[in-house]
Amino acid sequence: MLTSIANDAAFDDVFGRQVQALGRPGYVLIGLSTSARSANVLAALRAGRERGLVMIGFTGEARSEAMSGTCDLLLAVPSEDTAGIQECHEFVYHVVAGMVEARLHGRP
């Protein structure tokens, strides 16, 4: 999907086109962009908003306003350090994934 969309349309569309095709109201979309400027992530968030998805964004604090308008929940790590922002995102993402997995498999 990634290369076919990038080759046939544009790399900025690689995630948004998939959200348009597969996203359904009530689905959850998590968009990660340390800078909040990744055009392909922003396009996916816009597509998700149009399709009625629950929107969650992970970014750094510096330009979080670029994502805040499309996200229902935004984690904006208060840092300018790319590695530190990404480490925080990774931790939170794994916690959320563990909670979802536990819920799906009936574990407390």
C-alpha atoms as a PDB file:
ATOM      1  CA  MET A   1       0.000   0.000   0.000  1.00  0.00           C
ATOM      2  CA  LEU A   2       2.685   2.443   1.028  1.00  0.00           C
ATOM      3  CA  THR A   3       4.672   2.315  -2.184  1.00  0.00           C
ATOM      4  CA  SER A   4       1.690   2.037  -4.493  1.00  0.00           C
ATOM      5  CA  ILE A   5       0.057   5.164  -3.040  1.00  0.00           C
ATOM      6  CA  ALA A   6       3.384   7.009  -2.982  1.00  0.00           C
ATOM      7  CA  ASN A   7       4.048   6.080  -6.622  1.00  0.00           C
ATOM      8  CA  ASP A   8       0.521   6.645  -7.956  1.00  0.00           C
ATOM      9  CA  ALA A   9      -0.442   9.712  -5.904  1.00  0.00           C
ATOM     10  CA  ALA A  10       2.058  11.321  -3.523  1.00  0.00           C
ATOM     11  CA  PHE A  11       3.926  10.350  -0.378  1.00  0.00           C
ATOM     12  CA  ASP A  12       1.886  12.944   1.523  1.00  0.00           C
ATOM     13  CA  ASP A  13      -1.187  10.768   0.799  1.00  0.00           C
ATOM     14  CA  VAL A  14       0.168   7.393   1.975  1.00  0.00           C
ATOM     15  CA  PHE A  15      -1.700   7.354   5.288  1.00  0.00           C
ATOM     16  CA  GLY A  16      -4.703   9.525   4.447  1.00  0.00           C
ATOM     17  CA  ARG A  17      -5.734   7.334   1.518  1.00  0.00           C
ATOM     18  CA  GLN A  18      -5.656   4.254   3.743  1.00  0.00           C
ATOM     19  CA  VAL A  19      -7.772   6.015   6.369  1.00  0.00           C
ATOM     20  CA  GLN A  20     -10.270   7.007   3.656  1.00  0.00           C
ATOM     21  CA  ALA A  21     -10.501   3.395   2.487  1.00  0.00           C
ATOM     22  CA  LEU A  22     -10.548   1.608   5.843  1.00  0.00           C
ATOM     23  CA  GLY A  23     -11.638   4.127   8.487  1.00  0.00           C
ATOM     24  CA  ARG A  24     -15.095   3.795   9.997  1.00  0.00           C
ATOM     25  CA  PRO A  25     -16.899   5.995  12.528  1.00  0.00           C
ATOM     26  CA  GLY A  26     -15.812   5.061  16.032  1.00  0.00           C
ATOM     27  CA  TYR A  27     -12.453   3.598  14.963  1.00  0.00           C
ATOM     28  CA  VAL A  28      -9.433   5.085  16.710  1.00  0.00           C
ATOM     29  CA  LEU A  29      -6.603   6.700  14.757  1.00  0.00           C
ATOM     30  CA  ILE A  30      -3.320   7.484  16.467  1.00  0.00           C
ATOM     31  CA  GLY A  31      -1.157   9.993  14.606  1.00  0.00           C
ATOM     32  CA  LEU A  32       2.481  10.338  15.622  1.00  0.00           C
ATOM     33  CA  SER A  33       4.575  13.310  14.504  1.00  0.00           C
ATOM     34  CA  THR A  34       7.352  14.584  16.730  1.00  0.00           C
ATOM     35  CA  SER A  35       7.308  17.928  14.941  1.00  0.00           C
ATOM     36  CA  ALA A  36       3.535  18.054  14.271  1.00  0.00           C
ATOM     37  CA  ARG A  37       4.523  19.003  10.717  1.00  0.00           C
ATOM     38  CA  SER A  38       4.552  15.620   8.947  1.00  0.00           C
ATOM     39  CA  ALA A  39       2.312  16.258   5.957  1.00  0.00           C
ATOM     40  CA  ASN A  40       1.376  12.587   5.590  1.00  0.00           C
ATOM     41  CA  VAL A  41       0.344  12.303   9.251  1.00  0.00           C
ATOM     42  CA  LEU A  42      -1.630  15.560   9.112  1.00  0.00           C
ATOM     43  CA  ALA A  43      -3.423  14.317   5.974  1.00  0.00           C
ATOM     44  CA  ALA A  44      -4.334  11.089   7.774  1.00  0.00           C
ATOM     45  CA  LEU A  45      -5.692  13.054  10.734  1.00  0.00           C
ATOM     46  CA  ARG A  46      -7.807  15.217   8.437  1.00  0.00           C
ATOM     47  CA  ALA A  47      -9.126  12.104   6.673  1.00  0.00           C
ATOM     48  CA  GLY A  48      -9.908  10.495  10.020  1.00  0.00           C
ATOM     49  CA  ARG A  49     -11.791  13.566  11.206  1.00  0.00           C
ATOM     50  CA  GLU A  50     -13.859  13.557   7.983  1.00  0.00           C
ATOM     51  CA  ARG A  51     -14.675   9.844   8.473  1.00  0.00           C
ATOM     52  CA  GLY A  52     -15.743  10.211  12.116  1.00  0.00           C
ATOM     53  CA  LEU A  53     -12.815   8.443  13.740  1.00  0.00           C
ATOM     54  CA  VAL A  54     -11.682   9.068  17.306  1.00  0.00           C
ATOM     55  CA  MET A  55      -8.473  11.029  16.858  1.00  0.00           C
ATOM     56  CA  ILE A  56      -5.433  10.761  19.130  1.00  0.00           C
ATOM     57  CA  GLY A  57      -2.238  12.680  18.410  1.00  0.00           C
ATOM     58  CA  PHE A  58       1.276  12.298  19.787  1.00  0.00           C
ATOM     59  CA  THR A  59       3.676  15.187  19.218  1.00  0.00           C
ATOM     60  CA  GLY A  60       6.129  17.553  20.832  1.00  0.00           C
ATOM     61  CA  GLU A  61       4.917  20.749  22.400  1.00  0.00           C
ATOM     62  CA  ALA A  62       6.642  23.205  20.056  1.00  0.00           C
ATOM     63  CA  ARG A  63       4.061  23.150  17.255  1.00  0.00           C
ATOM     64  CA  SER A  64       1.279  21.108  18.764  1.00  0.00           C
ATOM     65  CA  GLU A  65      -1.363  23.534  17.461  1.00  0.00           C
ATOM     66  CA  ALA A  66      -0.919  21.993  13.993  1.00  0.00           C
ATOM     67  CA  MET A  67      -2.426  18.750  15.337  1.00  0.00           C
ATOM     68  CA  SER A  68      -4.638  20.025  18.136  1.00  0.00           C
ATOM     69  CA  GLY A  69      -7.454  21.103  15.822  1.00  0.00           C
ATOM     70  CA  THR A  70      -7.976  17.602  14.471  1.00  0.00           C
ATOM     71  CA  CYS A  71      -7.367  15.519  17.594  1.00  0.00           C
ATOM     72  CA  ASP A  72      -9.820  14.577  20.325  1.00  0.00           C
ATOM     73  CA  LEU A  73      -6.877  13.848  22.607  1.00  0.00           C
ATOM     74  CA  LEU A  74      -3.377  15.219  22.110  1.00  0.00           C
ATOM     75  CA  LEU A  75      -0.237  14.175  23.959  1.00  0.00           C
ATOM     76  CA  ALA A  76       2.172  17.078  23.436  1.00  0.00           C
ATOM     77  CA  VAL A  77       5.392  16.234  25.254  1.00  0.00           C
ATOM     78  CA  PRO A  78       6.851  19.442  26.737  1.00  0.00           C
ATOM     79  CA  SER A  79      10.276  19.109  25.175  1.00  0.00           C
ATOM     80  CA  GLU A  80      12.326  20.187  22.156  1.00  0.00           C
ATOM     81  CA  ASP A  81      14.467  17.029  22.317  1.00  0.00           C
ATOM     82  CA  THR A  82      13.376  14.687  19.507  1.00  0.00           C
ATOM     83  CA  ALA A  83      14.692  11.530  21.151  1.00  0.00           C
ATOM     84  CA  GLY A  84      13.082  12.412  24.491  1.00  0.00           C
ATOM     85  CA  ILE A  85       9.736  13.142  22.823  1.00  0.00           C
ATOM     86  CA  GLN A  86       9.832   9.841  20.964  1.00  0.00           C
ATOM     87  CA  GLU A  87      10.796   7.895  24.092  1.00  0.00           C
ATOM     88  CA  CYS A  88       7.822   9.366  25.932  1.00  0.00           C
ATOM     89  CA  HIS A  89       5.527   8.528  23.018  1.00  0.00           C
ATOM     90  CA  GLU A  90       6.847   4.965  22.906  1.00  0.00           C
ATOM     91  CA  PHE A  91       6.214   4.463  26.618  1.00  0.00           C
ATOM     92  CA  VAL A  92       2.656   5.824  26.479  1.00  0.00           C
ATOM     93  CA  TYR A  93       1.880   3.895  23.289  1.00  0.00           C
ATOM     94  CA  HIS A  94       2.997   0.618  24.903  1.00  0.00           C
ATOM     95  CA  VAL A  95       0.924   1.305  28.017  1.00  0.00           C
ATOM     96  CA  VAL A  96      -2.156   1.986  25.873  1.00  0.00           C
ATOM     97  CA  ALA A  97      -1.491  -1.103  23.730  1.00  0.00           C
ATOM     98  CA  GLY A  98      -1.198  -3.232  26.867  1.00  0.00           C
ATOM     99  CA  MET A  99      -4.484  -1.878  28.202  1.00  0.00           C
ATOM    100  CA  VAL A 100      -6.258  -2.578  24.909  1.00  0.00           C
ATOM    101  CA  GLU A 101      -4.820  -6.082  24.739  1.00  0.00           C
ATOM    102  CA  ALA A 102      -5.869  -6.817  28.313  1.00  0.00           C
ATOM    103  CA  ARG A 103      -9.361  -5.539  27.612  1.00  0.00           C
ATOM    104  CA  LEU A 104      -9.694  -7.605  24.436  1.00  0.00           C
ATOM    105  CA  HIS A 105      -8.540 -10.761  26.177  1.00  0.00           C
ATOM    106  CA  GLY A 106     -10.560 -10.211  29.350  1.00  0.00           C
ATOM    107  CA  ARG A 107      -7.641  -9.627  31.686  1.00  0.00           C
ATOM    108  CA  PRO A 108      -7.769  -6.979  34.420  1.00  0.00           C
END
